[in-house]
Amino acid sequence: MFEILQKILHEDQFNNMVHFKLDTNFIIDNNYKNIKTLLKNMNNNSNKNIRYIVSKTLQIDFINVIDIDDTRFIEFENDLYEYTNKGLDNTYELEI
């Protein structure tokens, strides 16, 4: 997951939604400490505002990214849960 996040953070522009499948599921702990630590330690040289969206399941198998109006949205998603519960609000915004 670290390599994918580096690729996302160093890419200039994502005009369309791009999906990155993780090799293994990443489990986020209940207080989000492990994902917050990972994101804080990433070298983000971008001037973009970044908003992080996390699946309520806290089990991540995809990372989706898109840039809208100088804001990069990075969504940590549980793909199966997302598709079986379409139309429901299944995410939280993560404050770093």
Protein backbone atom coordinates (compact mmCIF):
# COMPACT_ATOMS: atom_id res chain seq x y z
CA MET A 1 0.00 0.00 0.00
CA PHE A 2 2.91 2.34 0.72
CA GLU A 3 4.09 2.22 -2.92
CA ILE A 4 0.59 2.98 -4.22
CA LEU A 5 0.22 5.95 -1.87
CA GLN A 6 3.59 7.32 -2.97
CA LYS A 7 2.54 7.00 -6.59
CA ILE A 8 -0.73 8.82 -5.84
CA LEU A 9 0.95 11.62 -3.91
CA HIS A 10 3.62 12.20 -6.55
CA GLU A 11 1.29 12.16 -9.55
CA ASP A 12 0.53 15.66 -10.89
CA GLN A 13 -3.11 15.19 -11.86
CA PHE A 14 -5.93 12.64 -11.74
CA ASN A 15 -8.61 14.05 -14.06
CA ASN A 16 -10.66 10.84 -13.87
CA MET A 17 -11.28 8.46 -11.00
CA VAL A 18 -8.44 5.95 -10.83
CA HIS A 19 -8.74 2.69 -8.86
CA PHE A 20 -5.74 0.94 -7.29
CA LYS A 21 -6.27 -2.63 -6.07
CA LEU A 22 -4.23 -3.62 -3.05
CA ASP A 23 -2.42 -6.98 -3.05
CA THR A 24 -3.72 -7.69 0.44
CA ASN A 25 -6.41 -6.18 2.63
CA PHE A 26 -5.29 -3.41 4.96
CA ILE A 27 -7.06 -3.38 8.33
CA ILE A 28 -7.45 0.04 9.96
CA ASP A 29 -7.54 0.04 13.73
CA ASN A 30 -10.59 1.50 15.52
CA ASN A 31 -8.92 4.80 16.40
CA TYR A 32 -7.42 5.13 12.88
CA LYS A 33 -3.93 5.42 14.35
CA ASN A 34 -2.20 3.09 11.88
CA ILE A 35 -3.57 4.83 8.76
CA LYS A 36 -2.98 8.31 10.22
CA THR A 37 0.62 7.42 11.05
CA LEU A 38 1.18 6.05 7.57
CA LEU A 39 -0.29 9.13 5.90
CA LYS A 40 1.61 11.56 8.13
CA ASN A 41 4.89 9.80 7.31
CA MET A 42 4.31 10.00 3.56
CA ASN A 43 6.38 12.61 1.76
CA ASN A 44 3.69 14.85 0.27
CA ASN A 45 5.35 17.56 -1.83
CA SER A 46 2.09 18.57 -3.45
CA ASN A 47 0.42 21.92 -2.96
CA LYS A 48 -2.94 20.22 -3.29
CA ASN A 49 -5.46 20.06 -0.54
CA ILE A 50 -5.98 16.36 0.19
CA ARG A 51 -9.14 14.85 1.68
CA TYR A 52 -9.08 11.26 2.90
CA ILE A 53 -12.23 9.12 2.86
CA VAL A 54 -12.32 5.79 4.73
CA SER A 55 -14.74 2.86 4.51
CA LYS A 56 -16.83 2.24 7.65
CA THR A 57 -15.74 -1.40 7.58
CA LEU A 58 -12.11 -0.38 8.27
CA GLN A 59 -11.02 -3.12 5.84
CA ILE A 60 -9.41 -1.68 2.73
CA ASP A 61 -8.80 -3.48 -0.56
CA PHE A 62 -8.92 -0.55 -3.03
CA ILE A 63 -7.67 3.03 -3.10
CA ASN A 64 -9.57 5.40 -5.38
CA VAL A 65 -8.30 8.85 -6.29
CA ILE A 66 -9.53 11.88 -8.25
CA ASP A 67 -8.71 15.59 -8.36
CA ILE A 68 -11.60 18.06 -8.28
CA ASP A 69 -11.04 21.83 -8.11
CA ASP A 70 -7.47 21.65 -6.71
CA THR A 71 -8.50 19.08 -4.09
CA ARG A 72 -7.31 15.50 -4.27
CA PHE A 73 -9.79 12.96 -2.89
CA ILE A 74 -8.22 9.70 -1.75
CA GLU A 75 -10.76 7.05 -0.81
CA PHE A 76 -9.81 3.89 1.08
CA GLU A 77 -12.53 1.46 0.08
CA ASN A 78 -13.79 -2.02 0.84
CA ASP A 79 -14.86 -2.95 -2.68
CA LEU A 80 -17.19 -5.86 -1.91
CA TYR A 81 -18.94 -3.98 0.91
CA GLU A 82 -19.29 -0.90 -1.29
CA TYR A 83 -20.93 -2.83 -4.14
CA THR A 84 -23.28 -4.83 -1.94
CA ASN A 85 -24.44 -1.70 -0.08
CA LYS A 86 -24.80 0.79 -2.94
CA GLY A 87 -26.68 3.94 -2.11
CA LEU A 88 -25.74 3.89 1.57
CA ASP A 89 -23.30 6.30 3.14
CA ASN A 90 -20.48 3.86 3.89
CA THR A 91 -17.59 6.24 4.49
CA TYR A 92 -16.08 8.69 6.94
CA GLU A 93 -13.82 11.62 6.23
CA LEU A 94 -10.50 11.12 7.98
CA GLU A 95 -8.89 14.17 9.58
CA ILE A 96 -5.09 14.00 9.59
